[in-house]
């Protein structure tokens, strides 16, 4: 049997920009993508500490320190909001016992702590 598990987590990132008239996605600093194992186009869940919104979108590579909400997602947060970005993967249930997600904690500049 296969199950869905947490694969990647960027915890307490700060939204740096919103672009409501973009095609839609979340821009994430390339170094954070690499550290967390995220890839461009990957589906993620975004949880906003400030307004309790939770939504899904896809990742695009962003600039240094960037966490930007684009398109309709831009209406679910604002610059300065704190968010958690989650990605999930599907693995065999017996593999889940030993699987460790990549959990990245960031500071106020979206740099890995």
N, C-alpha and C. Protein backbone atom coordinates (compact mmCIF):
# COMPACT_ATOMS: atom_id res chain seq x y z
N UNK A 1 0.85 -1.18 0.00
CA UNK A 1 0.00 0.00 0.00
C UNK A 1 0.89 1.24 0.00
N UNK A 2 0.47 2.25 -0.72
CA UNK A 2 1.19 3.52 -0.74
C UNK A 2 0.46 4.53 0.14
N UNK A 3 1.26 5.39 0.77
CA UNK A 3 0.70 6.45 1.60
C UNK A 3 1.36 7.78 1.24
N UNK A 4 0.69 8.85 1.58
CA UNK A 4 1.21 10.19 1.34
C UNK A 4 1.86 10.69 2.62
N UNK A 5 3.12 11.15 2.51
CA UNK A 5 3.87 11.63 3.67
C UNK A 5 4.45 13.01 3.38
N UNK A 6 4.77 13.73 4.44
CA UNK A 6 5.46 15.01 4.29
C UNK A 6 6.83 14.76 3.69
N UNK A 7 7.14 15.45 2.60
CA UNK A 7 8.43 15.32 1.93
C UNK A 7 9.35 16.49 2.27
N UNK A 8 8.78 17.71 2.24
CA UNK A 8 9.55 18.93 2.42
C UNK A 8 8.74 19.96 3.20
N UNK A 9 9.45 20.75 4.01
CA UNK A 9 8.79 21.81 4.76
C UNK A 9 9.74 22.99 4.90
N UNK A 10 9.24 24.17 4.54
CA UNK A 10 9.95 25.42 4.83
C UNK A 10 9.11 26.12 5.88
N UNK A 11 9.65 26.26 7.08
CA UNK A 11 8.87 26.73 8.22
C UNK A 11 9.16 28.20 8.54
N UNK A 12 8.09 28.95 8.67
CA UNK A 12 8.12 30.34 9.13
C UNK A 12 8.82 31.29 8.15
N UNK A 13 8.60 31.06 6.86
CA UNK A 13 9.13 31.97 5.84
C UNK A 13 8.31 33.26 5.84
N UNK A 14 8.93 34.33 5.40
CA UNK A 14 8.27 35.63 5.33
C UNK A 14 7.95 35.97 3.89
N UNK A 15 6.69 36.31 3.63
CA UNK A 15 6.29 36.73 2.28
C UNK A 15 6.98 38.05 1.96
N UNK A 16 7.68 38.08 0.83
CA UNK A 16 8.43 39.28 0.45
C UNK A 16 7.71 40.13 -0.59
N UNK A 17 6.72 39.55 -1.28
CA UNK A 17 6.05 40.28 -2.35
C UNK A 17 4.76 39.56 -2.73
N UNK A 18 3.83 40.30 -3.28
CA UNK A 18 2.63 39.71 -3.88
C UNK A 18 2.46 40.32 -5.28
N UNK A 19 2.07 39.47 -6.22
CA UNK A 19 1.86 39.91 -7.60
C UNK A 19 0.53 39.32 -8.08
N UNK A 20 -0.58 40.03 -7.82
CA UNK A 20 -1.91 39.46 -8.11
C UNK A 20 -2.20 39.21 -9.58
N UNK A 21 -1.53 39.86 -10.50
CA UNK A 21 -1.85 39.69 -11.92
C UNK A 21 -0.82 38.82 -12.64
N UNK A 22 -0.23 37.92 -11.90
CA UNK A 22 0.70 36.94 -12.44
C UNK A 22 -0.10 35.68 -12.77
N UNK A 23 0.44 34.77 -13.56
CA UNK A 23 -0.30 33.57 -13.94
C UNK A 23 -0.62 32.66 -12.76
N UNK A 24 0.11 32.78 -11.68
CA UNK A 24 -0.21 32.01 -10.49
C UNK A 24 0.87 31.07 -10.06
N UNK A 25 1.25 31.12 -8.81
CA UNK A 25 2.26 30.24 -8.24
C UNK A 25 2.85 30.87 -6.99
N UNK A 26 3.91 30.27 -6.48
CA UNK A 26 4.68 30.86 -5.39
C UNK A 26 6.15 30.85 -5.81
N UNK A 27 6.77 32.01 -5.76
CA UNK A 27 8.20 32.12 -6.05
C UNK A 27 8.98 31.85 -4.78
N UNK A 28 9.93 30.92 -4.86
CA UNK A 28 10.73 30.54 -3.69
C UNK A 28 12.21 30.66 -4.05
N UNK A 29 12.97 31.27 -3.16
CA UNK A 29 14.42 31.40 -3.30
C UNK A 29 15.02 30.05 -3.73
N UNK A 30 15.87 30.08 -4.75
CA UNK A 30 16.48 28.87 -5.29
C UNK A 30 17.22 28.07 -4.22
N UNK A 31 17.92 28.76 -3.32
CA UNK A 31 18.68 28.04 -2.29
C UNK A 31 17.74 27.33 -1.31
N UNK A 32 16.57 27.91 -1.03
CA UNK A 32 15.59 27.25 -0.18
C UNK A 32 14.97 26.05 -0.90
N UNK A 33 14.76 26.20 -2.19
CA UNK A 33 14.24 25.07 -2.97
C UNK A 33 15.22 23.90 -2.90
N UNK A 34 16.50 24.19 -3.09
CA UNK A 34 17.51 23.13 -3.05
C UNK A 34 17.60 22.51 -1.66
N UNK A 35 17.61 23.33 -0.63
CA UNK A 35 17.75 22.82 0.75
C UNK A 35 16.57 21.94 1.15
N UNK A 36 15.38 22.29 0.64
CA UNK A 36 14.18 21.55 1.03
C UNK A 36 13.82 20.43 0.05
N UNK A 37 14.53 20.36 -1.06
CA UNK A 37 14.24 19.32 -2.04
C UNK A 37 13.06 19.62 -2.95
N UNK A 38 12.64 20.88 -3.02
CA UNK A 38 11.55 21.28 -3.91
C UNK A 38 12.07 21.49 -5.33
N UNK A 39 11.23 21.23 -6.32
CA UNK A 39 11.60 21.48 -7.70
C UNK A 39 10.55 22.37 -8.36
N UNK A 40 10.99 23.10 -9.38
CA UNK A 40 10.07 23.98 -10.11
C UNK A 40 8.90 23.16 -10.65
N UNK A 41 7.71 23.70 -10.48
CA UNK A 41 6.50 23.04 -10.94
C UNK A 41 5.86 22.11 -9.92
N UNK A 42 6.56 21.86 -8.82
CA UNK A 42 6.02 20.95 -7.81
C UNK A 42 4.84 21.57 -7.06
N UNK A 43 3.85 20.76 -6.78
CA UNK A 43 2.67 21.19 -6.02
C UNK A 43 3.05 21.35 -4.55
N UNK A 44 2.62 22.46 -3.96
CA UNK A 44 2.85 22.71 -2.54
C UNK A 44 1.58 23.22 -1.87
N UNK A 45 1.51 23.02 -0.57
CA UNK A 45 0.47 23.63 0.26
C UNK A 45 1.13 24.78 1.00
N UNK A 46 0.44 25.90 1.08
CA UNK A 46 0.96 27.08 1.78
C UNK A 46 -0.01 27.41 2.90
N UNK A 47 0.52 27.50 4.12
CA UNK A 47 -0.29 27.80 5.31
C UNK A 47 0.14 29.16 5.82
N UNK A 48 -0.80 30.08 5.97
CA UNK A 48 -0.50 31.45 6.38
C UNK A 48 -0.82 31.62 7.87
N UNK A 49 0.23 31.91 8.65
CA UNK A 49 0.05 32.13 10.09
C UNK A 49 -0.83 33.34 10.37
N UNK A 50 -0.75 34.38 9.54
CA UNK A 50 -1.40 35.65 9.83
C UNK A 50 -2.91 35.64 9.61
N UNK A 51 -3.38 34.91 8.61
CA UNK A 51 -4.82 34.93 8.34
C UNK A 51 -5.45 33.54 8.29
N UNK A 52 -4.68 32.52 8.61
CA UNK A 52 -5.15 31.13 8.67
C UNK A 52 -5.56 30.55 7.33
N UNK A 53 -5.22 31.21 6.21
CA UNK A 53 -5.55 30.62 4.91
C UNK A 53 -4.62 29.45 4.64
N UNK A 54 -5.12 28.53 3.84
CA UNK A 54 -4.36 27.36 3.42
C UNK A 54 -4.73 27.13 1.96
N UNK A 55 -3.73 27.07 1.09
CA UNK A 55 -4.01 26.90 -0.33
C UNK A 55 -2.91 26.08 -0.99
N UNK A 56 -3.23 25.58 -2.18
CA UNK A 56 -2.27 24.83 -2.97
C UNK A 56 -1.91 25.63 -4.21
N UNK A 57 -0.66 25.49 -4.62
CA UNK A 57 -0.17 26.13 -5.84
C UNK A 57 1.05 25.35 -6.29
N UNK A 58 1.82 25.92 -7.20
CA UNK A 58 3.04 25.26 -7.65
C UNK A 58 4.22 26.20 -7.51
N UNK A 59 5.40 25.61 -7.44
CA UNK A 59 6.63 26.35 -7.17
C UNK A 59 7.27 26.86 -8.46
N UNK A 60 7.75 28.10 -8.41
CA UNK A 60 8.66 28.60 -9.44
C UNK A 60 9.90 29.13 -8.72
N UNK A 61 11.01 29.08 -9.42
CA UNK A 61 12.27 29.55 -8.83
C UNK A 61 12.24 31.06 -8.68
N UNK A 62 12.57 31.53 -7.47
CA UNK A 62 12.58 32.95 -7.19
C UNK A 62 13.98 33.47 -6.92
N UNK A 63 14.07 34.75 -6.74
CA UNK A 63 15.34 35.40 -6.45
C UNK A 63 15.78 35.23 -5.01
N UNK A 64 16.90 35.81 -4.68
CA UNK A 64 17.50 35.69 -3.36
C UNK A 64 16.55 36.16 -2.26
N UNK A 65 16.23 35.27 -1.33
CA UNK A 65 15.36 35.59 -0.20
C UNK A 65 13.89 35.66 -0.54
N UNK A 66 13.54 35.38 -1.78
CA UNK A 66 12.16 35.56 -2.23
C UNK A 66 11.20 34.47 -1.77
N UNK A 67 10.07 34.92 -1.26
CA UNK A 67 8.88 34.11 -1.06
C UNK A 67 7.74 35.01 -1.56
N UNK A 68 7.33 34.83 -2.81
CA UNK A 68 6.33 35.73 -3.37
C UNK A 68 5.08 34.98 -3.79
N UNK A 69 3.95 35.53 -3.40
CA UNK A 69 2.65 34.96 -3.76
C UNK A 69 2.22 35.61 -5.07
N UNK A 70 1.86 34.76 -6.03
CA UNK A 70 1.56 35.27 -7.37
C UNK A 70 0.18 34.80 -7.82
N UNK A 71 -0.46 35.60 -8.65
CA UNK A 71 -1.78 35.25 -9.17
C UNK A 71 -2.81 35.25 -8.05
N UNK A 72 -3.81 34.39 -8.13
CA UNK A 72 -4.86 34.35 -7.11
C UNK A 72 -4.31 34.13 -5.69
N UNK A 73 -3.19 33.42 -5.57
CA UNK A 73 -2.59 33.20 -4.24
C UNK A 73 -2.20 34.52 -3.57
N UNK A 74 -1.95 35.56 -4.37
CA UNK A 74 -1.56 36.86 -3.82
C UNK A 74 -2.68 37.47 -2.97
N UNK A 75 -3.91 37.05 -3.18
CA UNK A 75 -5.03 37.56 -2.39
C UNK A 75 -5.16 36.84 -1.06
N UNK A 76 -4.34 35.80 -0.85
CA UNK A 76 -4.41 35.02 0.39
C UNK A 76 -3.28 35.33 1.36
N UNK A 77 -2.54 36.37 1.07
CA UNK A 77 -1.47 36.81 1.96
C UNK A 77 -0.98 38.18 1.54
N UNK A 78 -0.12 38.75 2.39
CA UNK A 78 0.46 40.05 2.06
C UNK A 78 1.91 40.06 2.50
N UNK A 79 2.63 41.04 2.01
CA UNK A 79 4.04 41.19 2.35
C UNK A 79 4.19 41.23 3.87
N UNK A 80 5.12 40.44 4.38
CA UNK A 80 5.37 40.38 5.82
C UNK A 80 4.70 39.22 6.52
N UNK A 81 3.70 38.59 5.88
CA UNK A 81 3.04 37.42 6.48
C UNK A 81 4.03 36.28 6.65
N UNK A 82 3.83 35.49 7.68
CA UNK A 82 4.62 34.29 7.93
C UNK A 82 3.86 33.09 7.38
N UNK A 83 4.58 32.23 6.64
CA UNK A 83 3.95 31.07 6.02
C UNK A 83 4.78 29.80 6.25
N UNK A 84 4.10 28.68 6.13
CA UNK A 84 4.73 27.37 6.07
C UNK A 84 4.46 26.83 4.68
N UNK A 85 5.48 26.29 4.05
CA UNK A 85 5.33 25.71 2.71
C UNK A 85 5.60 24.21 2.84
N UNK A 86 4.63 23.40 2.41
CA UNK A 86 4.70 21.95 2.56
C UNK A 86 4.60 21.26 1.21
N UNK A 87 5.35 20.18 1.04
CA UNK A 87 5.22 19.32 -0.13
C UNK A 87 5.12 17.89 0.37
N UNK A 88 4.34 17.10 -0.33
CA UNK A 88 4.10 15.72 0.07
C UNK A 88 4.58 14.78 -1.03
N UNK A 89 4.87 13.56 -0.64
CA UNK A 89 5.26 12.52 -1.60
C UNK A 89 4.52 11.24 -1.29
N UNK A 90 4.47 10.38 -2.27
CA UNK A 90 3.80 9.08 -2.10
C UNK A 90 4.88 8.00 -2.06
N UNK A 91 4.87 7.21 -0.99
CA UNK A 91 5.84 6.14 -0.83
C UNK A 91 5.13 4.89 -0.33
N UNK A 92 5.83 3.79 -0.40
CA UNK A 92 5.30 2.54 0.13
C UNK A 92 5.22 2.67 1.65
N UNK A 93 4.16 2.13 2.23
CA UNK A 93 3.93 2.26 3.66
C UNK A 93 5.12 1.74 4.48
N UNK A 94 5.70 0.62 4.07
CA UNK A 94 6.83 0.06 4.83
C UNK A 94 8.06 0.97 4.78
N UNK A 95 8.18 1.82 3.76
CA UNK A 95 9.30 2.76 3.66
C UNK A 95 9.12 3.97 4.58
N UNK A 96 7.89 4.24 4.98
CA UNK A 96 7.58 5.43 5.78
C UNK A 96 8.25 5.41 7.15
N UNK A 97 8.47 4.24 7.69
CA UNK A 97 9.09 4.15 9.03
C UNK A 97 10.47 4.78 9.07
N UNK A 98 11.19 4.71 7.97
CA UNK A 98 12.56 5.22 7.93
C UNK A 98 12.71 6.51 7.14
N UNK A 99 11.61 6.98 6.58
CA UNK A 99 11.68 8.19 5.76
C UNK A 99 11.76 9.43 6.64
N UNK A 100 12.65 10.36 6.29
CA UNK A 100 12.80 11.62 7.02
C UNK A 100 12.56 12.79 6.06
N UNK A 101 11.56 13.61 6.33
CA UNK A 101 11.33 14.77 5.47
C UNK A 101 12.44 15.80 5.65
N UNK A 102 12.61 16.65 4.64
CA UNK A 102 13.56 17.76 4.74
C UNK A 102 12.82 18.94 5.33
N UNK A 103 13.17 19.30 6.54
CA UNK A 103 12.51 20.41 7.25
C UNK A 103 13.52 21.54 7.39
N UNK A 104 13.17 22.69 6.82
CA UNK A 104 14.05 23.85 6.79
C UNK A 104 13.43 24.97 7.63
N UNK A 105 14.17 25.45 8.60
CA UNK A 105 13.75 26.60 9.40
C UNK A 105 14.47 27.83 8.86
N UNK A 106 13.73 28.92 8.69
CA UNK A 106 14.34 30.13 8.13
C UNK A 106 14.18 31.31 9.09
N UNK A 107 15.07 32.30 8.91
CA UNK A 107 14.99 33.51 9.73
C UNK A 107 14.13 34.54 9.01
N UNK A 108 14.10 35.76 9.54
CA UNK A 108 13.24 36.81 8.99
C UNK A 108 13.65 37.24 7.58
N UNK A 109 14.88 36.90 7.15
CA UNK A 109 15.33 37.22 5.77
C UNK A 109 15.20 36.02 4.84
N UNK A 110 14.51 34.99 5.31
CA UNK A 110 14.32 33.74 4.56
C UNK A 110 15.64 33.03 4.27
N UNK A 111 16.56 33.12 5.22
CA UNK A 111 17.81 32.38 5.14
C UNK A 111 17.73 31.21 6.09
N UNK A 112 18.31 30.08 5.67
CA UNK A 112 18.31 28.87 6.49
C UNK A 112 19.00 29.17 7.82
N UNK A 113 18.32 28.76 8.92
CA UNK A 113 18.91 28.93 10.25
C UNK A 113 19.97 27.89 10.49
